[in-house]
PDB file of N, CA and C in Angstrom:
ATOM      1  N   MET A   1      29.713  20.969 -14.455  1.00  0.00           N
ATOM      2  CA  MET A   1      28.985  20.283 -15.485  1.00  0.00           C
ATOM      3  C   MET A   1      28.502  21.311 -16.496  1.00  0.00           C
ATOM      4  N   ALA A   2      28.518  20.901 -17.742  1.00  0.00           N
ATOM      5  CA  ALA A   2      28.019  21.758 -18.813  1.00  0.00           C
ATOM      6  C   ALA A   2      27.006  20.976 -19.640  1.00  0.00           C
ATOM      7  N   LEU A   3      25.939  21.628 -20.046  1.00  0.00           N
ATOM      8  CA  LEU A   3      24.960  21.001 -20.932  1.00  0.00           C
ATOM      9  C   LEU A   3      25.399  21.221 -22.375  1.00  0.00           C
ATOM     10  N   LEU A   4      25.253  20.206 -23.187  1.00  0.00           N
ATOM     11  CA  LEU A   4      25.586  20.303 -24.604  1.00  0.00           C
ATOM     12  C   LEU A   4      24.292  20.548 -25.376  1.00  0.00           C
ATOM     13  N   VAL A   5      24.273  21.597 -26.180  1.00  0.00           N
ATOM     14  CA  VAL A   5      23.061  22.009 -26.884  1.00  0.00           C
ATOM     15  C   VAL A   5      23.339  22.019 -28.383  1.00  0.00           C
ATOM     16  N   GLN A   6      22.400  21.463 -29.146  1.00  0.00           N
ATOM     17  CA  GLN A   6      22.510  21.479 -30.603  1.00  0.00           C
ATOM     18  C   GLN A   6      21.159  21.892 -31.171  1.00  0.00           C
ATOM     19  N   HIS A   7      21.140  22.928 -31.961  1.00  0.00           N
ATOM     20  CA  HIS A   7      19.919  23.448 -32.578  1.00  0.00           C
ATOM     21  C   HIS A   7      18.843  23.729 -31.524  1.00  0.00           C
ATOM     22  N   GLY A   8      19.258  24.268 -30.362  1.00  0.00           N
ATOM     23  CA  GLY A   8      18.310  24.644 -29.323  1.00  0.00           C
ATOM     24  C   GLY A   8      17.806  23.502 -28.450  1.00  0.00           C
ATOM     25  N   THR A   9      18.352  22.291 -28.629  1.00  0.00           N
ATOM     26  CA  THR A   9      17.936  21.129 -27.849  1.00  0.00           C
ATOM     27  C   THR A   9      19.114  20.608 -27.042  1.00  0.00           C
ATOM     28  N   VAL A  10      18.879  20.293 -25.774  1.00  0.00           N
ATOM     29  CA  VAL A  10      19.935  19.699 -24.956  1.00  0.00           C
ATOM     30  C   VAL A  10      20.162  18.276 -25.444  1.00  0.00           C
ATOM     31  N   VAL A  11      21.396  17.955 -25.851  1.00  0.00           N
ATOM     32  CA  VAL A  11      21.711  16.642 -26.403  1.00  0.00           C
ATOM     33  C   VAL A  11      22.686  15.852 -25.530  1.00  0.00           C
ATOM     34  N   GLY A  12      23.121  16.436 -24.431  1.00  0.00           N
ATOM     35  CA  GLY A  12      24.035  15.712 -23.554  1.00  0.00           C
ATOM     36  C   GLY A  12      24.587  16.615 -22.483  1.00  0.00           C
ATOM     37  N   TRP A  13      25.557  16.086 -21.770  1.00  0.00           N
ATOM     38  CA  TRP A  13      26.204  16.846 -20.712  1.00  0.00           C
ATOM     39  C   TRP A  13      27.673  16.463 -20.674  1.00  0.00           C
ATOM     40  N   SER A  14      28.454  17.299 -20.032  1.00  0.00           N
ATOM     41  CA  SER A  14      29.894  17.078 -19.953  1.00  0.00           C
ATOM     42  C   SER A  14      30.389  17.527 -18.582  1.00  0.00           C
ATOM     43  N   LEU A  15      31.215  16.683 -17.956  1.00  0.00           N
ATOM     44  CA  LEU A  15      31.838  17.064 -16.696  1.00  0.00           C
ATOM     45  C   LEU A  15      33.180  17.697 -17.009  1.00  0.00           C
ATOM     46  N   THR A  16      33.490  18.794 -16.351  1.00  0.00           N
ATOM     47  CA  THR A  16      34.742  19.495 -16.593  1.00  0.00           C
ATOM     48  C   THR A  16      35.942  18.679 -16.153  1.00  0.00           C
ATOM     49  N   ASP A  17      35.833  17.967 -15.037  1.00  0.00           N
ATOM     50  CA  ASP A  17      36.953  17.203 -14.483  1.00  0.00           C
ATOM     51  C   ASP A  17      36.461  15.800 -14.147  1.00  0.00           C
ATOM     52  N   LEU A  18      36.269  14.973 -15.167  1.00  0.00           N
ATOM     53  CA  LEU A  18      35.663  13.658 -15.012  1.00  0.00           C
ATOM     54  C   LEU A  18      36.386  12.782 -13.990  1.00  0.00           C
ATOM     55  N   ALA A  19      37.707  12.832 -13.957  1.00  0.00           N
ATOM     56  CA  ALA A  19      38.472  11.993 -13.030  1.00  0.00           C
ATOM     57  C   ALA A  19      38.117  12.294 -11.576  1.00  0.00           C
ATOM     58  N   ARG A  20      37.653  13.465 -11.310  1.00  0.00           N
ATOM     59  CA  ARG A  20      37.312  13.863  -9.950  1.00  0.00           C
ATOM     60  C   ARG A  20      36.094  13.107  -9.401  1.00  0.00           C
ATOM     61  N   TYR A  21      35.274  12.553 -10.279  1.00  0.00           N
ATOM     62  CA  TYR A  21      34.042  11.894  -9.871  1.00  0.00           C
ATOM     63  C   TYR A  21      34.153  10.372  -9.815  1.00  0.00           C
ATOM     64  N   LEU A  22      35.328   9.825 -10.043  1.00  0.00           N
ATOM     65  CA  LEU A  22      35.519   8.375  -9.966  1.00  0.00           C
ATOM     66  C   LEU A  22      35.570   7.931  -8.519  1.00  0.00           C
ATOM     67  N   THR A  23      34.926   6.822  -8.220  1.00  0.00           N
ATOM     68  CA  THR A  23      34.970   6.251  -6.875  1.00  0.00           C
ATOM     69  C   THR A  23      35.131   4.742  -7.007  1.00  0.00           C
ATOM     70  N   THR A  24      35.496   4.083  -5.917  1.00  0.00           N
ATOM     71  CA  THR A  24      35.604   2.621  -5.928  1.00  0.00           C
ATOM     72  C   THR A  24      34.253   1.969  -5.687  1.00  0.00           C
ATOM     73  N   GLY A  25      33.269   2.724  -5.355  1.00  0.00           N
ATOM     74  CA  GLY A  25      31.915   2.249  -5.124  1.00  0.00           C
ATOM     75  C   GLY A  25      31.016   3.457  -5.003  1.00  0.00           C
ATOM     76  N   PHE A  26      29.793   3.256  -4.565  1.00  0.00           N
ATOM     77  CA  PHE A  26      28.905   4.397  -4.418  1.00  0.00           C
ATOM     78  C   PHE A  26      29.361   5.237  -3.236  1.00  0.00           C
ATOM     79  N   ALA A  27      29.758   6.450  -3.505  1.00  0.00           N
ATOM     80  CA  ALA A  27      30.226   7.365  -2.460  1.00  0.00           C
ATOM     81  C   ALA A  27      30.229   8.779  -3.021  1.00  0.00           C
ATOM     82  N   ALA A  28      30.200   9.737  -2.141  1.00  0.00           N
ATOM     83  CA  ALA A  28      30.341  11.130  -2.576  1.00  0.00           C
ATOM     84  C   ALA A  28      31.753  11.331  -3.115  1.00  0.00           C
ATOM     85  N   SER A  29      31.888  12.165  -4.121  1.00  0.00           N
ATOM     86  CA  SER A  29      33.218  12.396  -4.683  1.00  0.00           C
ATOM     87  C   SER A  29      34.112  13.112  -3.668  1.00  0.00           C
ATOM     88  N   ASP A  30      35.380  12.803  -3.735  1.00  0.00           N
ATOM     89  CA  ASP A  30      36.369  13.412  -2.853  1.00  0.00           C
ATOM     90  C   ASP A  30      36.557  14.868  -3.266  1.00  0.00           C
ATOM     91  N   PRO A  31      36.558  15.798  -2.329  1.00  0.00           N
ATOM     92  CA  PRO A  31      36.749  17.206  -2.701  1.00  0.00           C
ATOM     93  C   PRO A  31      38.172  17.513  -3.174  1.00  0.00           C
ATOM     94  N   LEU A  32      39.115  16.624  -2.895  1.00  0.00           N
ATOM     95  CA  LEU A  32      40.490  16.836  -3.353  1.00  0.00           C
ATOM     96  C   LEU A  32      40.623  16.389  -4.806  1.00  0.00           C
ATOM     97  N   PRO A  33      41.487  17.014  -5.572  1.00  0.00           N
ATOM     98  CA  PRO A  33      41.698  16.590  -6.955  1.00  0.00           C
ATOM     99  C   PRO A  33      42.257  15.167  -7.002  1.00  0.00           C
ATOM    100  N   PRO A  34      41.993  14.432  -8.092  1.00  0.00           N
ATOM    101  CA  PRO A  34      42.530  13.074  -8.218  1.00  0.00           C
ATOM    102  C   PRO A  34      44.042  13.098  -8.379  1.00  0.00           C
ATOM    103  N   VAL A  35      44.669  11.973  -8.041  1.00  0.00           N
ATOM    104  CA  VAL A  35      46.117  11.883  -8.223  1.00  0.00           C
ATOM    105  C   VAL A  35      46.408  11.824  -9.726  1.00  0.00           C
ATOM    106  N   PRO A  36      47.581  12.263 -10.159  1.00  0.00           N
ATOM    107  CA  PRO A  36      47.900  12.277 -11.587  1.00  0.00           C
ATOM    108  C   PRO A  36      47.733  10.912 -12.278  1.00  0.00           C
ATOM    109  N   ALA A  37      48.032   9.817 -11.580  1.00  0.00           N
ATOM    110  CA  ALA A  37      47.898   8.494 -12.197  1.00  0.00           C
ATOM    111  C   ALA A  37      46.441   8.198 -12.559  1.00  0.00           C
ATOM    112  N   THR A  38      45.492   8.618 -11.726  1.00  0.00           N
ATOM    113  CA  THR A  38      44.075   8.404 -12.012  1.00  0.00           C
ATOM    114  C   THR A  38      43.672   9.172 -13.260  1.00  0.00           C
ATOM    115  N   ARG A  39      44.098  10.413 -13.356  1.00  0.00           N
ATOM    116  CA  ARG A  39      43.772  11.228 -14.528  1.00  0.00           C
ATOM    117  C   ARG A  39      44.372  10.610 -15.799  1.00  0.00           C
ATOM    118  N   ARG A  40      45.600  10.116 -15.721  1.00  0.00           N
ATOM    119  CA  ARG A  40      46.253   9.509 -16.882  1.00  0.00           C
ATOM    120  C   ARG A  40      45.515   8.241 -17.319  1.00  0.00           C
ATOM    121  N   LEU A  41      45.157   7.377 -16.366  1.00  0.00           N
ATOM    122  CA  LEU A  41      44.449   6.143 -16.708  1.00  0.00           C
ATOM    123  C   LEU A  41      43.073   6.419 -17.296  1.00  0.00           C
ATOM    124  N   LEU A  42      42.364   7.400 -16.755  1.00  0.00           N
ATOM    125  CA  LEU A  42      41.060   7.759 -17.300  1.00  0.00           C
ATOM    126  C   LEU A  42      41.204   8.279 -18.729  1.00  0.00           C
ATOM    127  N   THR A  43      42.193   9.113 -18.948  1.00  0.00           N
ATOM    128  CA  THR A  43      42.431   9.645 -20.297  1.00  0.00           C
ATOM    129  C   THR A  43      42.725   8.522 -21.285  1.00  0.00           C
ATOM    130  N   GLU A  44      43.556   7.575 -20.893  1.00  0.00           N
ATOM    131  CA  GLU A  44      43.885   6.447 -21.766  1.00  0.00           C
ATOM    132  C   GLU A  44      42.653   5.602 -22.066  1.00  0.00           C
ATOM    133  N   CYS A  45      41.816   5.377 -21.053  1.00  0.00           N
ATOM    134  CA  CYS A  45      40.584   4.602 -21.242  1.00  0.00           C
ATOM    135  C   CYS A  45      39.644   5.317 -22.208  1.00  0.00           C
ATOM    136  N   LEU A  46      39.434   6.607 -21.987  1.00  0.00           N
ATOM    137  CA  LEU A  46      38.529   7.360 -22.864  1.00  0.00           C
ATOM    138  C   LEU A  46      39.065   7.425 -24.288  1.00  0.00           C
ATOM    139  N   ASP A  47      40.384   7.475 -24.454  1.00  0.00           N
ATOM    140  CA  ASP A  47      40.977   7.456 -25.793  1.00  0.00           C
ATOM    141  C   ASP A  47      40.644   6.151 -26.518  1.00  0.00           C
ATOM    142  N   LEU A  48      40.543   5.058 -25.763  1.00  0.00           N
ATOM    143  CA  LEU A  48      40.247   3.761 -26.368  1.00  0.00           C
ATOM    144  C   LEU A  48      38.783   3.609 -26.768  1.00  0.00           C
ATOM    145  N   VAL A  49      37.879   4.242 -26.043  1.00  0.00           N
ATOM    146  CA  VAL A  49      36.454   4.013 -26.277  1.00  0.00           C
ATOM    147  C   VAL A  49      35.750   5.154 -27.000  1.00  0.00           C
ATOM    148  N   THR A  50      36.459   6.205 -27.341  1.00  0.00           N
ATOM    149  CA  THR A  50      35.835   7.306 -28.069  1.00  0.00           C
ATOM    150  C   THR A  50      36.513   7.484 -29.417  1.00  0.00           C
ATOM    151  N   THR A  51      35.828   8.171 -30.303  1.00  0.00           N
ATOM    152  CA  THR A  51      36.384   8.440 -31.626  1.00  0.00           C
ATOM    153  C   THR A  51      36.412   9.941 -31.851  1.00  0.00           C
ATOM    154  N   PRO A  52      37.353  10.417 -32.655  1.00  0.00           N
ATOM    155  CA  PRO A  52      37.402  11.854 -32.949  1.00  0.00           C
ATOM    156  C   PRO A  52      36.099  12.323 -33.577  1.00  0.00           C
ATOM    157  N   GLY A  53      35.635  13.469 -33.193  1.00  0.00           N
ATOM    158  CA  GLY A  53      34.416  14.026 -33.770  1.00  0.00           C
ATOM    159  C   GLY A  53      33.145  13.445 -33.188  1.00  0.00           C
ATOM    160  N   GLY A  54      33.267  12.533 -32.224  1.00  0.00           N
ATOM    161  CA  GLY A  54      32.104  11.974 -31.567  1.00  0.00           C
ATOM    162  C   GLY A  54      31.332  10.954 -32.386  1.00  0.00           C
ATOM    163  N   ARG A  55      31.869  10.520 -33.522  1.00  0.00           N
ATOM    164  CA  ARG A  55      31.168   9.542 -34.351  1.00  0.00           C
ATOM    165  C   ARG A  55      31.466   8.141 -33.872  1.00  0.00           C
ATOM    166  N   ARG A  56      30.454   7.302 -33.878  1.00  0.00           N
ATOM    167  CA  ARG A  56      30.631   5.902 -33.512  1.00  0.00           C
ATOM    168  C   ARG A  56      31.105   5.132 -34.731  1.00  0.00           C
ATOM    169  N   PRO A  57      31.968   4.135 -34.541  1.00  0.00           N
ATOM    170  CA  PRO A  57      32.387   3.310 -35.675  1.00  0.00           C
ATOM    171  C   PRO A  57      31.172   2.671 -36.354  1.00  0.00           C
ATOM    172  N   GLY A  58      31.159   2.663 -37.667  1.00  0.00           N
ATOM    173  CA  GLY A  58      30.077   2.053 -38.409  1.00  0.00           C
ATOM    174  C   GLY A  58      28.893   2.975 -38.665  1.00  0.00           C
ATOM    175  N   ARG A  59      28.907   4.162 -38.105  1.00  0.00           N
ATOM    176  CA  ARG A  59      27.796   5.112 -38.321  1.00  0.00           C
ATOM    177  C   ARG A  59      28.230   6.180 -39.312  1.00  0.00           C
ATOM    178  N   ARG A  60      27.320   6.652 -40.124  1.00  0.00           N
ATOM    179  CA  ARG A  60      27.623   7.703 -41.101  1.00  0.00           C
ATOM    180  C   ARG A  60      26.729   8.887 -40.889  1.00  0.00           C
TER     181      ARG A  60
END
């Protein structure tokens, strides 16, 4: 995990390997890396819900 800092203030966090923390319910994450299909599906999902540059649609 990495903290995101802007102008000396923590503004968020980022997981290095987000797919590794996905579970089907509340459970500890599996220590093994996710299968390639899980990583691909997560990437496709995040591509749909995020925008380049971190800007939300409709915000300036």
